[in-house]
């Protein structure tokens, strides 16, 4: 696939970051303008999407010129917008951990957000911190049973957009690991946050 990775014409640098450096970096990297529009993706961004069955959806949804808030799960929009705006306003680097697991592997990532030197945007670098096989005792797998997980009120299946566990509507405090739905989300799935992820990963806001 021929992805468009950056705005035309091709700049020699992105506010102090040499493109050649970003192009060679093994970590998925994107850049955002000050109004939070995607202006750049490095090749590793698309390599990660391809290796994790995210293509062609990633190329279709995360194109140059796309507004960040149109592709984020609604439950995460306020968190990211406020954090990114803090980085733009203060010129300080912002850090955040999040999970991005596959059906087989637990993966923890660290996001570093660097404000451009001219305050015109942000460089976002996603680095793998931990990768290991899932431990069944900690996260026992469950079969993809739509009757158990689909809400009778809404007709939707709610999946945590951080840990990817699925809520049991009859027991709202129960969120189960359903590997088949990490590989391929079923139709009519909605994004949410389980209580633990909400408290640990997504409650913090920069001072």
C-alpha atoms as a PDB file:
ATOM      1  CA  UNK A   1       0.000   0.000   0.000  1.00  0.00           C
ATOM      2  CA  UNK A   2       1.266   3.468  -0.847  1.00  0.00           C
ATOM      3  CA  UNK A   3       0.673   5.475   2.321  1.00  0.00           C
ATOM      4  CA  UNK A   4       0.951   9.234   2.343  1.00  0.00           C
ATOM      5  CA  UNK A   5       3.275   9.777   5.297  1.00  0.00           C
ATOM      6  CA  UNK A   6       3.565  13.563   5.451  1.00  0.00           C
ATOM      7  CA  UNK A   7       2.243  16.839   4.142  1.00  0.00           C
ATOM      8  CA  UNK A   8       3.460  17.994   0.741  1.00  0.00           C
ATOM      9  CA  UNK A   9       5.926  19.383  -0.029  1.00  0.00           C
ATOM     10  CA  UNK A  10       8.272  17.118   1.924  1.00  0.00           C
ATOM     11  CA  UNK A  11      10.025  19.222   4.594  1.00  0.00           C
ATOM     12  CA  UNK A  12      13.627  18.628   5.590  1.00  0.00           C
ATOM     13  CA  UNK A  13      12.712  18.655   9.254  1.00  0.00           C
ATOM     14  CA  UNK A  14       9.659  18.800  11.489  1.00  0.00           C
ATOM     15  CA  UNK A  15      10.269  21.698  13.847  1.00  0.00           C
ATOM     16  CA  UNK A  16      13.750  20.579  14.839  1.00  0.00           C
ATOM     17  CA  UNK A  17      13.433  16.823  14.264  1.00  0.00           C
ATOM     18  CA  UNK A  18      15.288  15.550  11.199  1.00  0.00           C
ATOM     19  CA  UNK A  19      13.033  13.477   9.000  1.00  0.00           C
ATOM     20  CA  UNK A  20      15.818  11.034   8.219  1.00  0.00           C
ATOM     21  CA  UNK A  21      16.084  10.263  11.942  1.00  0.00           C
ATOM     22  CA  UNK A  22      12.348   9.728  12.295  1.00  0.00           C
ATOM     23  CA  UNK A  23      12.174   7.607   9.156  1.00  0.00           C
ATOM     24  CA  UNK A  24      14.811   5.205  10.498  1.00  0.00           C
ATOM     25  CA  UNK A  25      13.387   4.944  14.008  1.00  0.00           C
ATOM     26  CA  UNK A  26      11.945   1.540  14.900  1.00  0.00           C
ATOM     27  CA  UNK A  27       9.219   3.002  17.128  1.00  0.00           C
ATOM     28  CA  UNK A  28       5.801   4.032  15.767  1.00  0.00           C
ATOM     29  CA  UNK A  29       5.921   7.838  15.500  1.00  0.00           C
ATOM     30  CA  UNK A  30       3.396  10.438  14.403  1.00  0.00           C
ATOM     31  CA  UNK A  31       3.317  14.224  14.436  1.00  0.00           C
ATOM     32  CA  UNK A  32       0.396  16.532  15.109  1.00  0.00           C
ATOM     33  CA  UNK A  33      -0.150  20.180  14.324  1.00  0.00           C
ATOM     34  CA  UNK A  34      -1.065  22.645  17.077  1.00  0.00           C
ATOM     35  CA  UNK A  35      -4.737  22.045  16.313  1.00  0.00           C
ATOM     36  CA  UNK A  36      -4.184  18.282  16.720  1.00  0.00           C
ATOM     37  CA  UNK A  37      -4.297  17.286  13.069  1.00  0.00           C
ATOM     38  CA  UNK A  38      -1.993  14.471  11.905  1.00  0.00           C
ATOM     39  CA  UNK A  39       0.822  15.832   9.733  1.00  0.00           C
ATOM     40  CA  UNK A  40       3.293  12.921   9.674  1.00  0.00           C
ATOM     41  CA  UNK A  41       3.677   9.166  10.211  1.00  0.00           C
ATOM     42  CA  UNK A  42       6.952   7.277  10.059  1.00  0.00           C
ATOM     43  CA  UNK A  43       7.257   3.888   8.312  1.00  0.00           C
ATOM     44  CA  UNK A  44       7.349   2.040  11.658  1.00  0.00           C
ATOM     45  CA  UNK A  45       3.810   3.301  12.348  1.00  0.00           C
ATOM     46  CA  UNK A  46       2.503   1.341   9.368  1.00  0.00           C
ATOM     47  CA  UNK A  47       4.805  -1.613  10.023  1.00  0.00           C
ATOM     48  CA  UNK A  48       3.239  -1.964  13.475  1.00  0.00           C
ATOM     49  CA  UNK A  49      -0.268  -1.706  12.021  1.00  0.00           C
ATOM     50  CA  UNK A  50       0.491  -4.348   9.376  1.00  0.00           C
ATOM     51  CA  UNK A  51       2.087  -6.755  11.859  1.00  0.00           C
ATOM     52  CA  UNK A  52      -0.923  -6.448  14.178  1.00  0.00           C
ATOM     53  CA  UNK A  53      -3.644  -6.846  11.553  1.00  0.00           C
ATOM     54  CA  UNK A  54      -4.461  -3.136  11.602  1.00  0.00           C
ATOM     55  CA  UNK A  55      -4.215  -2.631   7.868  1.00  0.00           C
ATOM     56  CA  UNK A  56      -5.892  -1.425   5.729  1.00  0.00           C
ATOM     57  CA  UNK A  57      -8.011   0.215   8.441  1.00  0.00           C
ATOM     58  CA  UNK A  58      -5.115   2.218   9.933  1.00  0.00           C
ATOM     59  CA  UNK A  59      -4.130   3.732   6.592  1.00  0.00           C
ATOM     60  CA  UNK A  60      -7.762   4.502   5.833  1.00  0.00           C
ATOM     61  CA  UNK A  61      -8.589   6.098   9.197  1.00  0.00           C
ATOM     62  CA  UNK A  62      -5.274   7.678  10.274  1.00  0.00           C
ATOM     63  CA  UNK A  63      -4.384   9.690   7.198  1.00  0.00           C
ATOM     64  CA  UNK A  64      -2.432  12.927   7.037  1.00  0.00           C
ATOM     65  CA  UNK A  65      -4.928  15.733   7.551  1.00  0.00           C
ATOM     66  CA  UNK A  66      -7.109  13.710   9.963  1.00  0.00           C
ATOM     67  CA  UNK A  67      -8.194  15.367  13.215  1.00  0.00           C
ATOM     68  CA  UNK A  68      -7.094  13.365  16.263  1.00  0.00           C
ATOM     69  CA  UNK A  69     -10.481  13.516  17.980  1.00  0.00           C
ATOM     70  CA  UNK A  70     -12.236  11.904  15.007  1.00  0.00           C
ATOM     71  CA  UNK A  71     -10.258   8.663  15.383  1.00  0.00           C
ATOM     72  CA  UNK A  72      -9.878   8.372  19.157  1.00  0.00           C
ATOM     73  CA  UNK A  73     -12.434   6.392  21.176  1.00  0.00           C
ATOM     74  CA  UNK A  74     -14.781   8.990  22.651  1.00  0.00           C
ATOM     75  CA  UNK A  75     -13.977   7.853  26.193  1.00  0.00           C
ATOM     76  CA  UNK A  76     -10.311   8.879  25.686  1.00  0.00           C
ATOM     77  CA  UNK A  77     -10.769  12.184  23.860  1.00  0.00           C
ATOM     78  CA  UNK A  78     -10.812  14.527  26.863  1.00  0.00           C
ATOM     79  CA  UNK A  79      -7.791  12.825  28.398  1.00  0.00           C
ATOM     80  CA  UNK A  80      -5.584  13.110  25.327  1.00  0.00           C
ATOM     81  CA  UNK A  81      -6.746  16.554  24.257  1.00  0.00           C
ATOM     82  CA  UNK A  82      -6.081  18.024  27.692  1.00  0.00           C
ATOM     83  CA  UNK A  83      -2.673  16.322  27.973  1.00  0.00           C
ATOM     84  CA  UNK A  84      -1.537  17.306  24.488  1.00  0.00           C
ATOM     85  CA  UNK A  85      -2.736  20.855  25.005  1.00  0.00           C
ATOM     86  CA  UNK A  86      -0.755  20.983  28.246  1.00  0.00           C
ATOM     87  CA  UNK A  87       2.383  19.986  26.343  1.00  0.00           C
ATOM     88  CA  UNK A  88       1.713  22.665  23.717  1.00  0.00           C
ATOM     89  CA  UNK A  89       1.018  25.358  26.325  1.00  0.00           C
ATOM     90  CA  UNK A  90       3.958  24.588  28.611  1.00  0.00           C
ATOM     91  CA  UNK A  91       6.556  23.358  26.129  1.00  0.00           C
ATOM     92  CA  UNK A  92       7.129  20.407  28.477  1.00  0.00           C
ATOM     93  CA  UNK A  93       7.473  16.784  27.404  1.00  0.00           C
ATOM     94  CA  UNK A  94       4.521  14.607  28.441  1.00  0.00           C
ATOM     95  CA  UNK A  95       4.707  10.889  29.282  1.00  0.00           C
ATOM     96  CA  UNK A  96       2.036   8.216  29.464  1.00  0.00           C
ATOM     97  CA  UNK A  97       1.917   4.401  29.781  1.00  0.00           C
ATOM     98  CA  UNK A  98      -0.774   2.323  28.123  1.00  0.00           C
ATOM     99  CA  UNK A  99      -1.464  -1.276  27.168  1.00  0.00           C
ATOM    100  CA  UNK A 100      -1.577  -2.511  23.577  1.00  0.00           C
ATOM    101  CA  UNK A 101      -1.775  -6.278  23.864  1.00  0.00           C
ATOM    102  CA  UNK A 102      -2.294  -8.937  21.216  1.00  0.00           C
ATOM    103  CA  UNK A 103      -4.249 -12.172  21.802  1.00  0.00           C
ATOM    104  CA  UNK A 104      -0.985 -13.956  22.657  1.00  0.00           C
ATOM    105  CA  UNK A 105       1.192 -11.226  24.177  1.00  0.00           C
ATOM    106  CA  UNK A 106       0.850  -8.713  26.974  1.00  0.00           C
ATOM    107  CA  UNK A 107       2.458  -5.451  25.773  1.00  0.00           C
ATOM    108  CA  UNK A 108       2.983  -2.253  27.705  1.00  0.00           C
ATOM    109  CA  UNK A 109       3.892   0.887  25.782  1.00  0.00           C
ATOM    110  CA  UNK A 110       5.244   4.251  26.857  1.00  0.00           C
ATOM    111  CA  UNK A 111       4.179   7.344  24.941  1.00  0.00           C
ATOM    112  CA  UNK A 112       6.469  10.380  24.912  1.00  0.00           C
ATOM    113  CA  UNK A 113       5.069  13.619  23.510  1.00  0.00           C
ATOM    114  CA  UNK A 114       7.647  16.229  22.477  1.00  0.00           C
ATOM    115  CA  UNK A 115       6.452  19.767  21.729  1.00  0.00           C
ATOM    116  CA  UNK A 116       7.972  21.218  18.575  1.00  0.00           C
ATOM    117  CA  UNK A 117      10.610  23.859  19.241  1.00  0.00           C
ATOM    118  CA  UNK A 118       8.405  26.479  17.571  1.00  0.00           C
ATOM    119  CA  UNK A 119       5.273  25.354  19.516  1.00  0.00           C
ATOM    120  CA  UNK A 120       3.576  24.546  16.208  1.00  0.00           C
ATOM    121  CA  UNK A 121       2.834  20.923  17.046  1.00  0.00           C
ATOM    122  CA  UNK A 122       3.824  17.701  18.757  1.00  0.00           C
ATOM    123  CA  UNK A 123       5.939  14.646  18.001  1.00  0.00           C
ATOM    124  CA  UNK A 124       4.457  11.467  19.514  1.00  0.00           C
ATOM    125  CA  UNK A 125       6.757   8.457  20.041  1.00  0.00           C
ATOM    126  CA  UNK A 126       5.394   5.085  21.185  1.00  0.00           C
ATOM    127  CA  UNK A 127       8.001   2.769  22.745  1.00  0.00           C
ATOM    128  CA  UNK A 128       7.555  -0.860  23.756  1.00  0.00           C
ATOM    129  CA  UNK A 129       8.429  -1.256  27.453  1.00  0.00           C
ATOM    130  CA  UNK A 130       7.352  -4.818  28.218  1.00  0.00           C
ATOM    131  CA  UNK A 131       6.304  -7.820  26.151  1.00  0.00           C
ATOM    132  CA  UNK A 132       5.555 -11.318  27.463  1.00  0.00           C
ATOM    133  CA  UNK A 133       3.146 -14.181  27.048  1.00  0.00           C
ATOM    134  CA  UNK A 134      -0.156 -13.746  28.839  1.00  0.00           C
ATOM    135  CA  UNK A 135      -0.276 -15.504  32.193  1.00  0.00           C
ATOM    136  CA  UNK A 136      -3.562 -17.463  32.340  1.00  0.00           C
ATOM    137  CA  UNK A 137      -3.739 -17.229  36.146  1.00  0.00           C
ATOM    138  CA  UNK A 138      -3.702 -13.442  35.917  1.00  0.00           C
ATOM    139  CA  UNK A 139      -5.879 -13.081  32.826  1.00  0.00           C
ATOM    140  CA  UNK A 140      -7.821 -16.313  32.194  1.00  0.00           C
ATOM    141  CA  UNK A 141      -9.163 -16.595  28.653  1.00  0.00           C
ATOM    142  CA  UNK A 142     -12.901 -16.792  27.982  1.00  0.00           C
ATOM    143  CA  UNK A 143     -14.751 -17.933  24.853  1.00  0.00           C
ATOM    144  CA  UNK A 144     -16.393 -15.326  22.582  1.00  0.00           C
ATOM    145  CA  UNK A 145     -19.954 -15.782  23.840  1.00  0.00           C
ATOM    146  CA  UNK A 146     -22.094 -12.973  22.427  1.00  0.00           C
ATOM    147  CA  UNK A 147     -25.053 -14.009  24.576  1.00  0.00           C
ATOM    148  CA  UNK A 148     -22.977 -13.389  27.710  1.00  0.00           C
ATOM    149  CA  UNK A 149     -21.377 -10.112  26.653  1.00  0.00           C
ATOM    150  CA  UNK A 150     -23.940  -8.318  24.494  1.00  0.00           C
ATOM    151  CA  UNK A 151     -26.077  -5.810  26.397  1.00  0.00           C
ATOM    152  CA  UNK A 152     -29.797  -6.425  26.067  1.00  0.00           C
ATOM    153  CA  UNK A 153     -30.421  -2.713  26.547  1.00  0.00           C
ATOM    154  CA  UNK A 154     -28.042  -1.360  23.903  1.00  0.00           C
ATOM    155  CA  UNK A 155     -27.272  -4.396  21.749  1.00  0.00           C
ATOM    156  CA  UNK A 156     -23.572  -3.558  22.105  1.00  0.00           C
ATOM    157  CA  UNK A 157     -20.511  -5.388  23.411  1.00  0.00           C
ATOM    158  CA  UNK A 158     -18.312  -3.110  25.537  1.00  0.00           C
ATOM    159  CA  UNK A 159     -14.536  -3.621  25.345  1.00  0.00           C
ATOM    160  CA  UNK A 160     -11.987  -1.727  27.438  1.00  0.00           C
ATOM    161  CA  UNK A 161      -9.880   0.270  24.989  1.00  0.00           C
ATOM    162  CA  UNK A 162      -6.786  -0.176  27.168  1.00  0.00           C
ATOM    163  CA  UNK A 163      -6.658  -3.784  28.420  1.00  0.00           C
ATOM    164  CA  UNK A 164      -9.150  -5.072  25.792  1.00  0.00           C
ATOM    165  CA  UNK A 165     -11.176  -7.041  28.340  1.00  0.00           C
ATOM    166  CA  UNK A 166     -14.945  -7.264  27.778  1.00  0.00           C
ATOM    167  CA  UNK A 167     -17.655  -6.289  30.257  1.00  0.00           C
ATOM    168  CA  UNK A 168     -20.354  -8.709  31.387  1.00  0.00           C
ATOM    169  CA  UNK A 169     -23.595  -6.682  31.290  1.00  0.00           C
ATOM    170  CA  UNK A 170     -25.223  -8.919  33.911  1.00  0.00           C
ATOM    171  CA  UNK A 171     -22.234  -8.355  36.222  1.00  0.00           C
ATOM    172  CA  UNK A 172     -20.967  -4.847  35.338  1.00  0.00           C
ATOM    173  CA  UNK A 173     -17.931  -5.137  37.620  1.00  0.00           C
ATOM    174  CA  UNK A 174     -16.708  -8.224  35.694  1.00  0.00           C
ATOM    175  CA  UNK A 175     -14.454  -7.658  32.678  1.00  0.00           C
ATOM    176  CA  UNK A 176     -13.188 -10.814  30.941  1.00  0.00           C
ATOM    177  CA  UNK A 177     -10.243 -11.511  28.657  1.00  0.00           C
ATOM    178  CA  UNK A 178     -11.667 -12.774  25.341  1.00  0.00           C
ATOM    179  CA  UNK A 179      -8.660 -13.350  23.040  1.00  0.00           C
ATOM    180  CA  UNK A 180     -10.769 -14.012  19.936  1.00  0.00           C
ATOM    181  CA  UNK A 181     -12.230 -10.505  20.212  1.00  0.00           C
ATOM    182  CA  UNK A 182      -8.792  -8.964  20.626  1.00  0.00           C
ATOM    183  CA  UNK A 183      -7.821 -10.505  17.303  1.00  0.00           C
ATOM    184  CA  UNK A 184     -11.085  -9.430  15.639  1.00  0.00           C
ATOM    185  CA  UNK A 185     -13.667  -7.292  17.373  1.00  0.00           C
ATOM    186  CA  UNK A 186     -17.229  -8.480  16.771  1.00  0.00           C
ATOM    187  CA  UNK A 187     -19.788  -6.235  15.072  1.00  0.00           C
ATOM    188  CA  UNK A 188     -21.467  -3.660  17.276  1.00  0.00           C
ATOM    189  CA  UNK A 189     -18.595  -3.313  19.727  1.00  0.00           C
ATOM    190  CA  UNK A 190     -18.274  -0.091  21.697  1.00  0.00           C
ATOM    191  CA  UNK A 191     -15.199   1.224  23.502  1.00  0.00           C
ATOM    192  CA  UNK A 192     -15.144   1.818  27.231  1.00  0.00           C
ATOM    193  CA  UNK A 193     -12.740   1.723  30.155  1.00  0.00           C
ATOM    194  CA  UNK A 194     -12.785  -0.901  32.860  1.00  0.00           C
ATOM    195  CA  UNK A 195     -12.544   0.551  36.406  1.00  0.00           C
ATOM    196  CA  UNK A 196      -8.925  -0.531  36.972  1.00  0.00           C
ATOM    197  CA  UNK A 197      -7.610   0.925  33.712  1.00  0.00           C
ATOM    198  CA  UNK A 198      -9.618   4.090  34.252  1.00  0.00           C
ATOM    199  CA  UNK A 199      -8.137   4.606  37.700  1.00  0.00           C
ATOM    200  CA  UNK A 200      -4.541   3.560  36.935  1.00  0.00           C
ATOM    201  CA  UNK A 201      -3.871   4.676  33.352  1.00  0.00           C
ATOM    202  CA  UNK A 202      -6.422   7.312  32.417  1.00  0.00           C
ATOM    203  CA  UNK A 203      -7.338   9.347  35.484  1.00  0.00           C
ATOM    204  CA  UNK A 204      -4.122  11.379  35.606  1.00  0.00           C
ATOM    205  CA  UNK A 205      -4.010  14.863  34.098  1.00  0.00           C
ATOM    206  CA  UNK A 206      -0.889  17.050  33.867  1.00  0.00           C
ATOM    207  CA  UNK A 207      -0.681  19.737  36.532  1.00  0.00           C
END
